[in-house]
Amino acid sequence: LLANWRRLEIRKNPRCPLCGEQPTITELIDYQDFCGVVSDQAAGVAAGNTITVQQLQGWLAERTTGDRDFCLVDVREPPEREINRIPGSVLIPKGDFLSGEALLQLPADRPLVLYCKSGARSAECLAIVHAAGRPDAVHVGGGVSAWANQIDPSLPAY
């Protein structure tokens, strides 16, 4: 096996947000905030309002037969949803919950089931929904990652 190397000369981008002439990225991110560590308030709300992916699978089967009705909401970002999703869900990103826009989009006549990748963002959204007067809302512990691992291994993981 032979390898070839080629050297390319690349000019520095003067508008680079990190190393350009006027950088806008000047410090490290807050890792816990960026990665979705659950706040104490959200952890408290989630403690009594979390379902497993096995329970969700049963609920989805009941929804198909008309024995249960709920709105399944994916709170991740659109690029994440393109990777994988739980069937029968709608996308309303966490940012819409933070801004309050999601509260206008959510159906008032059905219980809510929220999920994200692992359960952290959906727990935060759950706290917002509960504070807005929707105590019937729950979230999926482990999120779509647990769904892919335990229910549908054909889904790609990320």
C-alpha atoms as a PDB file:
ATOM      1  CA  LEU A   1       0.000   0.000   0.000  1.00  0.00           C
ATOM      2  CA  LEU A   2       1.489   3.310  -1.067  1.00  0.00           C
ATOM      3  CA  ALA A   3       0.559   6.735   0.214  1.00  0.00           C
ATOM      4  CA  ASN A   4       0.933  10.029  -1.564  1.00  0.00           C
ATOM      5  CA  TRP A   5       1.170  13.401   0.110  1.00  0.00           C
ATOM      6  CA  ARG A   6       0.351  16.736  -1.347  1.00  0.00           C
ATOM      7  CA  ARG A   7       0.912  20.064   0.368  1.00  0.00           C
ATOM      8  CA  LEU A   8      -1.661  22.799  -0.093  1.00  0.00           C
ATOM      9  CA  GLU A   9      -1.110  26.430   0.721  1.00  0.00           C
ATOM     10  CA  ILE A  10      -4.199  27.886   2.374  1.00  0.00           C
ATOM     11  CA  ARG A  11      -4.675  31.532   3.196  1.00  0.00           C
ATOM     12  CA  LYS A  12      -6.028  32.479   6.598  1.00  0.00           C
ATOM     13  CA  ASN A  13      -9.651  33.652   6.518  1.00  0.00           C
ATOM     14  CA  PRO A  14      -9.630  37.233   7.860  1.00  0.00           C
ATOM     15  CA  ARG A  15     -13.319  36.807   8.881  1.00  0.00           C
ATOM     16  CA  CYS A  16     -12.749  33.614  10.880  1.00  0.00           C
ATOM     17  CA  PRO A  17     -14.731  33.961  14.153  1.00  0.00           C
ATOM     18  CA  LEU A  18     -11.916  32.310  16.088  1.00  0.00           C
ATOM     19  CA  CYS A  19      -8.636  33.511  14.602  1.00  0.00           C
ATOM     20  CA  GLY A  20      -9.612  36.283  12.177  1.00  0.00           C
ATOM     21  CA  GLU A  21      -8.944  39.992  12.393  1.00  0.00           C
ATOM     22  CA  GLN A  22     -12.012  40.612  14.578  1.00  0.00           C
ATOM     23  CA  PRO A  23     -12.718  37.335  16.401  1.00  0.00           C
ATOM     24  CA  THR A  24     -16.168  36.873  17.951  1.00  0.00           C
ATOM     25  CA  ILE A  25     -15.263  33.643  19.737  1.00  0.00           C
ATOM     26  CA  THR A  26     -13.042  34.820  22.559  1.00  0.00           C
ATOM     27  CA  GLU A  27     -13.533  32.265  25.318  1.00  0.00           C
ATOM     28  CA  LEU A  28     -14.406  28.625  25.882  1.00  0.00           C
ATOM     29  CA  ILE A  29     -18.069  27.650  25.990  1.00  0.00           C
ATOM     30  CA  ASP A  30     -19.857  26.679  29.177  1.00  0.00           C
ATOM     31  CA  TYR A  31     -19.631  22.933  28.622  1.00  0.00           C
ATOM     32  CA  GLN A  32     -22.408  22.007  31.040  1.00  0.00           C
ATOM     33  CA  ASP A  33     -24.793  24.548  29.545  1.00  0.00           C
ATOM     34  CA  PHE A  34     -23.890  23.524  25.975  1.00  0.00           C
ATOM     35  CA  CYS A  35     -24.289  19.795  26.616  1.00  0.00           C
ATOM     36  CA  GLY A  36     -27.581  20.112  28.410  1.00  0.00           C
ATOM     37  CA  VAL A  37     -26.912  19.299  32.031  1.00  0.00           C
ATOM     38  CA  VAL A  38     -30.244  19.133  33.816  1.00  0.00           C
ATOM     39  CA  SER A  39     -31.046  21.935  36.262  1.00  0.00           C
ATOM     40  CA  ASP A  40     -32.275  21.134  39.756  1.00  0.00           C
ATOM     41  CA  GLN A  41     -35.757  22.380  38.840  1.00  0.00           C
ATOM     42  CA  ALA A  42     -35.931  20.156  35.751  1.00  0.00           C
ATOM     43  CA  ALA A  43     -34.605  17.165  37.683  1.00  0.00           C
ATOM     44  CA  GLY A  44     -37.337  17.677  40.262  1.00  0.00           C
ATOM     45  CA  VAL A  45     -40.093  17.818  37.646  1.00  0.00           C
ATOM     46  CA  ALA A  46     -38.677  14.867  35.715  1.00  0.00           C
ATOM     47  CA  ALA A  47     -38.463  12.719  38.853  1.00  0.00           C
ATOM     48  CA  GLY A  48     -42.174  11.965  38.802  1.00  0.00           C
ATOM     49  CA  ASN A  49     -42.852  12.465  35.108  1.00  0.00           C
ATOM     50  CA  THR A  50     -40.461  10.208  33.208  1.00  0.00           C
ATOM     51  CA  ILE A  51     -41.460   7.214  31.117  1.00  0.00           C
ATOM     52  CA  THR A  52     -39.217   4.500  29.684  1.00  0.00           C
ATOM     53  CA  VAL A  53     -38.839   3.735  26.002  1.00  0.00           C
ATOM     54  CA  GLN A  54     -40.684   0.466  26.638  1.00  0.00           C
ATOM     55  CA  GLN A  55     -43.626   2.409  28.053  1.00  0.00           C
ATOM     56  CA  LEU A  56     -43.517   4.750  25.058  1.00  0.00           C
ATOM     57  CA  GLN A  57     -43.529   1.781  22.700  1.00  0.00           C
ATOM     58  CA  GLY A  58     -46.707   0.529  24.404  1.00  0.00           C
ATOM     59  CA  TRP A  59     -48.273   3.983  24.309  1.00  0.00           C
ATOM     60  CA  LEU A  60     -47.511   4.283  20.584  1.00  0.00           C
ATOM     61  CA  ALA A  61     -49.191   0.925  19.975  1.00  0.00           C
ATOM     62  CA  GLU A  62     -52.225   2.134  21.943  1.00  0.00           C
ATOM     63  CA  ARG A  63     -52.241   5.372  19.951  1.00  0.00           C
ATOM     64  CA  THR A  64     -52.304   3.346  16.726  1.00  0.00           C
ATOM     65  CA  THR A  65     -55.384   1.425  17.894  1.00  0.00           C
ATOM     66  CA  GLY A  66     -57.078   4.602  19.135  1.00  0.00           C
ATOM     67  CA  ASP A  67     -56.885   3.603  22.798  1.00  0.00           C
ATOM     68  CA  ARG A  68     -54.558   6.479  23.761  1.00  0.00           C
ATOM     69  CA  ASP A  69     -53.980   9.933  22.378  1.00  0.00           C
ATOM     70  CA  PHE A  70     -50.941  12.120  22.989  1.00  0.00           C
ATOM     71  CA  CYS A  71     -48.548  14.397  21.150  1.00  0.00           C
ATOM     72  CA  LEU A  72     -44.972  13.095  20.895  1.00  0.00           C
ATOM     73  CA  VAL A  73     -42.550  16.033  20.642  1.00  0.00           C
ATOM     74  CA  ASP A  74     -38.898  15.884  19.608  1.00  0.00           C
ATOM     75  CA  VAL A  75     -37.098  18.851  21.218  1.00  0.00           C
ATOM     76  CA  ARG A  76     -33.775  18.362  19.392  1.00  0.00           C
ATOM     77  CA  GLU A  77     -32.448  20.474  16.535  1.00  0.00           C
ATOM     78  CA  PRO A  78     -33.418  19.748  12.885  1.00  0.00           C
ATOM     79  CA  PRO A  79     -30.007  18.264  11.909  1.00  0.00           C
ATOM     80  CA  GLU A  80     -30.284  15.761  14.779  1.00  0.00           C
ATOM     81  CA  ARG A  81     -33.758  14.743  13.644  1.00  0.00           C
ATOM     82  CA  GLU A  82     -32.344  13.968  10.201  1.00  0.00           C
ATOM     83  CA  ILE A  83     -30.091  11.349  11.826  1.00  0.00           C
ATOM     84  CA  ASN A  84     -32.842   9.476  13.643  1.00  0.00           C
ATOM     85  CA  ARG A  85     -36.250   9.941  15.237  1.00  0.00           C
ATOM     86  CA  ILE A  86     -38.971   8.142  17.096  1.00  0.00           C
ATOM     87  CA  PRO A  87     -41.834   7.463  14.665  1.00  0.00           C
ATOM     88  CA  GLY A  88     -44.947   9.589  15.016  1.00  0.00           C
ATOM     89  CA  SER A  89     -43.207  12.582  16.573  1.00  0.00           C
ATOM     90  CA  VAL A  90     -43.233  16.261  15.679  1.00  0.00           C
ATOM     91  CA  LEU A  91     -40.240  18.590  15.928  1.00  0.00           C
ATOM     92  CA  ILE A  92     -40.339  21.613  18.225  1.00  0.00           C
ATOM     93  CA  PRO A  93     -36.738  22.516  19.190  1.00  0.00           C
ATOM     94  CA  LYS A  94     -35.781  23.397  22.754  1.00  0.00           C
ATOM     95  CA  GLY A  95     -35.140  26.999  21.715  1.00  0.00           C
ATOM     96  CA  ASP A  96     -38.852  27.364  20.976  1.00  0.00           C
ATOM     97  CA  PHE A  97     -39.614  26.242  24.519  1.00  0.00           C
ATOM     98  CA  LEU A  98     -37.109  28.719  25.933  1.00  0.00           C
ATOM     99  CA  SER A  99     -38.622  31.583  23.917  1.00  0.00           C
ATOM    100  CA  GLY A 100     -42.197  30.543  24.742  1.00  0.00           C
ATOM    101  CA  GLU A 101     -43.126  29.941  21.091  1.00  0.00           C
ATOM    102  CA  ALA A 102     -43.561  26.207  21.679  1.00  0.00           C
ATOM    103  CA  LEU A 103     -46.359  26.824  24.156  1.00  0.00           C
ATOM    104  CA  LEU A 104     -48.408  28.297  21.312  1.00  0.00           C
ATOM    105  CA  GLN A 105     -47.707  25.308  19.049  1.00  0.00           C
ATOM    106  CA  LEU A 106     -48.538  22.524  21.502  1.00  0.00           C
ATOM    107  CA  PRO A 107     -52.007  20.981  21.362  1.00  0.00           C
ATOM    108  CA  ALA A 108     -54.029  21.809  24.465  1.00  0.00           C
ATOM    109  CA  ASP A 109     -56.366  18.836  24.111  1.00  0.00           C
ATOM    110  CA  ARG A 110     -53.812  16.006  24.357  1.00  0.00           C
ATOM    111  CA  PRO A 111     -51.128  14.993  26.859  1.00  0.00           C
ATOM    112  CA  LEU A 112     -47.543  15.681  25.830  1.00  0.00           C
ATOM    113  CA  VAL A 113     -44.588  13.305  25.654  1.00  0.00           C
ATOM    114  CA  LEU A 114     -41.235  15.023  25.105  1.00  0.00           C
ATOM    115  CA  TYR A 115     -37.935  13.492  24.063  1.00  0.00           C
ATOM    116  CA  CYS A 116     -34.435  14.499  22.984  1.00  0.00           C
ATOM    117  CA  LYS A 117     -31.183  12.596  22.482  1.00  0.00           C
ATOM    118  CA  SER A 118     -30.637  11.469  26.072  1.00  0.00           C
ATOM    119  CA  GLY A 119     -33.320  13.081  28.240  1.00  0.00           C
ATOM    120  CA  ALA A 120     -31.536  16.225  29.457  1.00  0.00           C
ATOM    121  CA  ARG A 121     -33.078  18.743  27.048  1.00  0.00           C
ATOM    122  CA  SER A 122     -36.508  17.145  27.240  1.00  0.00           C
ATOM    123  CA  ALA A 123     -36.370  17.377  31.050  1.00  0.00           C
ATOM    124  CA  GLU A 124     -35.668  21.110  30.762  1.00  0.00           C
ATOM    125  CA  CYS A 125     -38.563  21.518  28.317  1.00  0.00           C
ATOM    126  CA  LEU A 126     -40.760  19.443  30.617  1.00  0.00           C
ATOM    127  CA  ALA A 127     -40.095  21.899  33.449  1.00  0.00           C
ATOM    128  CA  ILE A 128     -41.152  24.773  31.167  1.00  0.00           C
ATOM    129  CA  VAL A 129     -44.331  22.963  30.115  1.00  0.00           C
ATOM    130  CA  HIS A 130     -45.245  22.083  33.697  1.00  0.00           C
ATOM    131  CA  ALA A 131     -44.649  25.687  34.796  1.00  0.00           C
ATOM    132  CA  ALA A 132     -47.017  26.769  32.009  1.00  0.00           C
ATOM    133  CA  GLY A 133     -49.802  24.659  33.518  1.00  0.00           C
ATOM    134  CA  ARG A 134     -49.466  21.355  31.673  1.00  0.00           C
ATOM    135  CA  PRO A 135     -49.029  18.777  34.480  1.00  0.00           C
ATOM    136  CA  ASP A 136     -50.037  15.956  32.114  1.00  0.00           C
ATOM    137  CA  ALA A 137     -46.716  16.206  30.240  1.00  0.00           C
ATOM    138  CA  VAL A 138     -43.990  13.572  30.618  1.00  0.00           C
ATOM    139  CA  HIS A 139     -40.626  12.971  29.018  1.00  0.00           C
ATOM    140  CA  VAL A 140     -38.777   9.894  27.795  1.00  0.00           C
ATOM    141  CA  GLY A 141     -35.825   8.893  29.957  1.00  0.00           C
ATOM    142  CA  GLY A 142     -32.799   8.137  27.802  1.00  0.00           C
ATOM    143  CA  GLY A 143     -34.398   9.772  24.752  1.00  0.00           C
ATOM    144  CA  VAL A 144     -33.907   8.594  21.212  1.00  0.00           C
ATOM    145  CA  SER A 145     -30.566   7.033  22.193  1.00  0.00           C
ATOM    146  CA  ALA A 146     -32.389   4.605  24.487  1.00  0.00           C
ATOM    147  CA  TRP A 147     -34.995   4.055  21.755  1.00  0.00           C
ATOM    148  CA  ALA A 148     -32.265   3.128  19.265  1.00  0.00           C
ATOM    149  CA  ASN A 149     -30.479   0.873  21.780  1.00  0.00           C
ATOM    150  CA  GLN A 150     -33.494  -0.900  23.260  1.00  0.00           C
ATOM    151  CA  ILE A 151     -36.364  -0.696  20.759  1.00  0.00           C
ATOM    152  CA  ASP A 152     -35.060  -0.101  17.233  1.00  0.00           C
ATOM    153  CA  PRO A 153     -31.364  -0.992  16.794  1.00  0.00           C
ATOM    154  CA  SER A 154     -31.659  -0.261  13.053  1.00  0.00           C
ATOM    155  CA  LEU A 155     -31.619   3.468  13.850  1.00  0.00           C
ATOM    156  CA  PRO A 156     -28.219   5.148  13.591  1.00  0.00           C
ATOM    157  CA  ALA A 157     -26.732   6.406  16.830  1.00  0.00           C
ATOM    158  CA  TYR A 158     -24.825   9.630  17.259  1.00  0.00           C
END
